[in-house]
C-alpha atoms as a PDB file:
ATOM      1  CA  MET A   1      10.209 -33.688  11.189  1.00  0.00           C
ATOM      2  CA  SER A   2      13.602 -35.985  12.174  1.00  0.00           C
ATOM      3  CA  PHE A   3      17.009 -34.668  11.317  1.00  0.00           C
ATOM      4  CA  HIS A   4      20.215 -36.079  12.999  1.00  0.00           C
ATOM      5  CA  ILE A   5      23.625 -34.591  12.928  1.00  0.00           C
ATOM      6  CA  SER A   6      27.249 -35.556  12.728  1.00  0.00           C
ATOM      7  CA  TYR A   7      30.375 -34.850  12.584  1.00  0.00           C
ATOM      8  CA  GLN A   8      33.224 -36.169  10.437  1.00  0.00           C
ATOM      9  CA  ALA A   9      36.399 -35.673  12.941  1.00  0.00           C
ATOM     10  CA  THR A  10      38.956 -37.001   9.293  1.00  0.00           C
ATOM     11  CA  GLY A  11      36.814 -34.316   7.409  1.00  0.00           C
ATOM     12  CA  GLY A  12      36.130 -31.579   9.380  1.00  0.00           C
ATOM     13  CA  ILE A  13      32.863 -31.684   8.715  1.00  0.00           C
ATOM     14  CA  ALA A  14      29.074 -31.279  10.406  1.00  0.00           C
ATOM     15  CA  ARG A  15      26.849 -33.227   8.957  1.00  0.00           C
ATOM     16  CA  VAL A  16      23.145 -32.283   9.563  1.00  0.00           C
ATOM     17  CA  LEU A  17      20.343 -34.427   7.805  1.00  0.00           C
ATOM     18  CA  PHE A  18      16.798 -33.540   6.816  1.00  0.00           C
ATOM     19  CA  LEU A  19      14.093 -36.422   7.125  1.00  0.00           C
ATOM     20  CA  GLY A  20      10.613 -36.822   5.872  1.00  0.00           C
ATOM     21  CA  PRO A  21       8.623 -32.965   5.789  1.00  0.00           C
ATOM     22  CA  LEU A  22      10.912 -29.907   6.602  1.00  0.00           C
ATOM     23  CA  GLY A  23       9.305 -26.406   8.028  1.00  0.00           C
ATOM     24  CA  TYR A  24      10.361 -23.817   9.272  1.00  0.00           C
ATOM     25  CA  ALA A  25      10.349 -24.284  12.672  1.00  0.00           C
ATOM     26  CA  ASP A  26      12.437 -27.707  12.189  1.00  0.00           C
ATOM     27  CA  LYS A  27      14.921 -26.148  10.538  1.00  0.00           C
ATOM     28  CA  ILE A  28      15.364 -23.105  12.651  1.00  0.00           C
ATOM     29  CA  GLU A  29      15.777 -26.348  15.573  1.00  0.00           C
ATOM     30  CA  ALA A  30      18.512 -27.951  13.717  1.00  0.00           C
ATOM     31  CA  THR A  31      20.487 -25.372  12.776  1.00  0.00           C
ATOM     32  CA  ALA A  32      20.332 -23.718  16.956  1.00  0.00           C
ATOM     33  CA  ARG A  33      21.345 -27.031  17.946  1.00  0.00           C
ATOM     34  CA  LEU A  34      23.783 -27.173  15.074  1.00  0.00           C
ATOM     35  CA  VAL A  35      25.626 -23.959  16.654  1.00  0.00           C
ATOM     36  CA  GLY A  36      25.055 -25.079  20.488  1.00  0.00           C
ATOM     37  CA  LYS A  37      27.292 -28.067  19.386  1.00  0.00           C
ATOM     38  CA  TYR A  38      29.515 -27.068  16.724  1.00  0.00           C
ATOM     39  CA  ARG A  39      30.592 -22.703  17.784  1.00  0.00           C
ATOM     40  CA  HIS A  40      33.747 -23.877  18.825  1.00  0.00           C
ATOM     41  CA  ARG A  41      34.611 -25.274  14.950  1.00  0.00           C
ATOM     42  CA  LYS A  42      36.285 -21.903  13.191  1.00  0.00           C
ATOM     43  CA  PRO A  43      35.577 -21.727  10.465  1.00  0.00           C
ATOM     44  CA  LEU A  44      32.474 -24.564  10.587  1.00  0.00           C
ATOM     45  CA  ARG A  45      31.785 -26.354   7.784  1.00  0.00           C
ATOM     46  CA  VAL A  46      28.848 -27.700   7.041  1.00  0.00           C
ATOM     47  CA  LEU A  47      26.497 -30.515   4.794  1.00  0.00           C
ATOM     48  CA  LEU A  48      23.236 -29.388   5.833  1.00  0.00           C
ATOM     49  CA  ASP A  49      21.563 -32.711   2.983  1.00  0.00           C
ATOM     50  CA  LEU A  50      18.087 -31.651   2.055  1.00  0.00           C
ATOM     51  CA  ARG A  51      17.912 -35.323  -0.285  1.00  0.00           C
ATOM     52  CA  TYR A  52      15.165 -36.353   1.959  1.00  0.00           C
ATOM     53  CA  ALA A  53      13.332 -33.857   3.204  1.00  0.00           C
ATOM     54  CA  ARG A  54       9.834 -32.369   2.315  1.00  0.00           C
ATOM     55  CA  SER A  55       9.857 -28.952   2.557  1.00  0.00           C
ATOM     56  CA  HIS A  56       6.873 -26.761   3.351  1.00  0.00           C
ATOM     57  CA  ILE A  57       8.381 -23.687   3.725  1.00  0.00           C
ATOM     58  CA  THR A  58       7.361 -20.319   2.192  1.00  0.00           C
ATOM     59  CA  LEU A  59       9.109 -18.093  -0.032  1.00  0.00           C
ATOM     60  CA  GLU A  60       8.698 -15.413   3.266  1.00  0.00           C
ATOM     61  CA  GLU A  61      10.076 -18.345   5.785  1.00  0.00           C
ATOM     62  CA  HIS A  62      12.826 -19.193   3.840  1.00  0.00           C
ATOM     63  CA  GLN A  63      13.798 -15.340   3.334  1.00  0.00           C
ATOM     64  CA  LYS A  64      13.360 -15.011   7.056  1.00  0.00           C
ATOM     65  CA  TYR A  65      15.421 -18.577   7.510  1.00  0.00           C
ATOM     66  CA  ILE A  66      18.284 -16.807   5.069  1.00  0.00           C
ATOM     67  CA  ARG A  67      18.502 -13.306   7.768  1.00  0.00           C
ATOM     68  CA  TYR A  68      18.615 -15.652  10.768  1.00  0.00           C
ATOM     69  CA  MET A  69      21.507 -17.539   9.355  1.00  0.00           C
ATOM     70  CA  ALA A  70      23.148 -13.643   8.544  1.00  0.00           C
ATOM     71  CA  GLU A  71      22.813 -12.964  11.894  1.00  0.00           C
ATOM     72  CA  ASN A  72      24.195 -15.760  13.172  1.00  0.00           C
ATOM     73  CA  SER A  73      27.306 -15.339  14.655  1.00  0.00           C
ATOM     74  CA  VAL A  74      27.858 -18.450  13.598  1.00  0.00           C
ATOM     75  CA  LEU A  75      26.418 -19.461  11.025  1.00  0.00           C
ATOM     76  CA  ARG A  76      28.282 -15.947   9.030  1.00  0.00           C
ATOM     77  CA  ARG A  77      31.921 -17.342   9.536  1.00  0.00           C
ATOM     78  CA  ALA A  78      30.493 -20.323   8.458  1.00  0.00           C
ATOM     79  CA  PHE A  79      30.819 -22.324   4.778  1.00  0.00           C
ATOM     80  CA  ILE A  80      27.993 -24.314   4.150  1.00  0.00           C
ATOM     81  CA  ALA A  81      26.730 -26.760   1.848  1.00  0.00           C
ATOM     82  CA  VAL A  82      23.035 -27.416   0.925  1.00  0.00           C
ATOM     83  CA  LEU A  83      22.818 -31.102  -1.000  1.00  0.00           C
ATOM     84  CA  HIS A  84      20.044 -31.482  -2.703  1.00  0.00           C
ATOM     85  CA  PRO A  85      18.045 -34.408  -4.398  1.00  0.00           C
ATOM     86  CA  ARG A  86      18.260 -34.612  -8.021  1.00  0.00           C
ATOM     87  CA  SER A  87      14.909 -34.801  -9.262  1.00  0.00           C
ATOM     88  CA  ARG A  88      14.002 -31.795  -6.876  1.00  0.00           C
ATOM     89  CA  TRP A  89      15.244 -28.276  -5.337  1.00  0.00           C
ATOM     90  CA  THR A  90      13.658 -29.303  -2.141  1.00  0.00           C
ATOM     91  CA  CYS A  91      14.283 -25.217  -0.689  1.00  0.00           C
ATOM     92  CA  PRO A  92      16.892 -23.931  -2.592  1.00  0.00           C
ATOM     93  CA  LEU A  93      19.363 -20.847  -1.443  1.00  0.00           C
ATOM     94  CA  PRO A  94      18.564 -17.779  -3.781  1.00  0.00           C
ATOM     95  CA  SER A  95      21.414 -16.782  -4.822  1.00  0.00           C
ATOM     96  CA  HIS A  96      20.642 -13.368  -4.295  1.00  0.00           C
ATOM     97  CA  SER A  97      19.824 -13.608  -1.175  1.00  0.00           C
ATOM     98  CA  ALA A  98      22.679 -15.639  -0.058  1.00  0.00           C
ATOM     99  CA  TYR A  99      24.946 -12.953  -1.715  1.00  0.00           C
ATOM    100  CA  LEU A 100      22.880 -10.058   0.576  1.00  0.00           C
ATOM    101  CA  CYS A 101      24.155 -12.310   3.416  1.00  0.00           C
ATOM    102  CA  ARG A 102      27.571 -12.481   1.777  1.00  0.00           C
ATOM    103  CA  PHE A 103      28.056 -15.792   4.117  1.00  0.00           C
ATOM    104  CA  SER A 104      29.667 -18.588   2.092  1.00  0.00           C
ATOM    105  CA  SER A 105      27.190 -21.237   0.357  1.00  0.00           C
ATOM    106  CA  ARG A 106      27.053 -23.273  -2.500  1.00  0.00           C
ATOM    107  CA  GLU A 107      24.824 -25.582  -3.402  1.00  0.00           C
ATOM    108  CA  PHE A 108      25.374 -29.461  -4.895  1.00  0.00           C
ATOM    109  CA  ILE A 109      23.217 -32.413  -5.734  1.00  0.00           C
ATOM    110  CA  VAL A 110      26.577 -34.287  -5.975  1.00  0.00           C
ATOM    111  CA  GLU A 111      27.622 -35.291  -2.001  1.00  0.00           C
ATOM    112  CA  ALA A 112      31.208 -35.814  -3.393  1.00  0.00           C
ATOM    113  CA  GLU A 113      31.822 -32.100  -4.891  1.00  0.00           C
ATOM    114  CA  ALA A 114      30.000 -30.806  -2.246  1.00  0.00           C
ATOM    115  CA  GLU A 115      32.544 -32.587   0.651  1.00  0.00           C
ATOM    116  CA  ALA A 116      35.173 -31.244  -2.006  1.00  0.00           C
ATOM    117  CA  TRP A 117      34.563 -27.754  -2.466  1.00  0.00           C
ATOM    118  CA  LEU A 118      33.978 -27.552   2.349  1.00  0.00           C
ATOM    119  CA  ALA A 119      37.419 -29.690   2.055  1.00  0.00           C
ATOM    120  CA  GLN A 120      39.261 -26.631  -0.033  1.00  0.00           C
ATOM    121  CA  ALA A 121      37.454 -24.322   2.404  1.00  0.00           C
ATOM    122  CA  LYS A 122      39.501 -26.116   5.217  1.00  0.00           C
ATOM    123  CA  GLY A 123      42.595 -24.009   5.237  1.00  0.00           C
ATOM    124  CA  ALA A 124      40.572 -20.775   3.819  1.00  0.00           C
ATOM    125  CA  ALA A 125      39.946 -17.581   5.786  1.00  0.00           C
ATOM    126  CA  GLN A 126      36.470 -16.992   7.605  1.00  0.00           C
ATOM    127  CA  PRO A 127      33.738 -15.538   5.787  1.00  0.00           C
ATOM    128  CA  LEU A 128      32.312 -12.110   7.244  1.00  0.00           C
ATOM    129  CA  LEU A 129      29.346 -11.015   7.047  1.00  0.00           C
ATOM    130  CA  ALA A 130      29.536  -6.849   6.379  1.00  0.00           C
ATOM    131  CA  LEU A 131      26.317  -5.383   7.940  1.00  0.00           C
END
């Protein structure tokens, strides 16, 4: 698995681009690096680009990843846009899981729409996780 993390200073968006096969350990590693690099951004606005990834994550692993995100103090206050390919959903965030975690995330198939949503979140108050 390969991933690339970058930051757009003009838009204030951290981008994580996943390429190739995507497993649970890969998502955890990328997420940990993202948080380590950009934890000082408040609120952190993230675009997860899954358009070029092939997910090999089970439903149980996906739910475990959602819990990991919800328990992370940086991510539970972040705005997260997940970008999927038009032809398939590689790893959708079930709406009930996102609701249970109460972190602010949305799913998109159009990059411009994801960026626009994140831009709107720029001045918004940070979402809070109610544990």
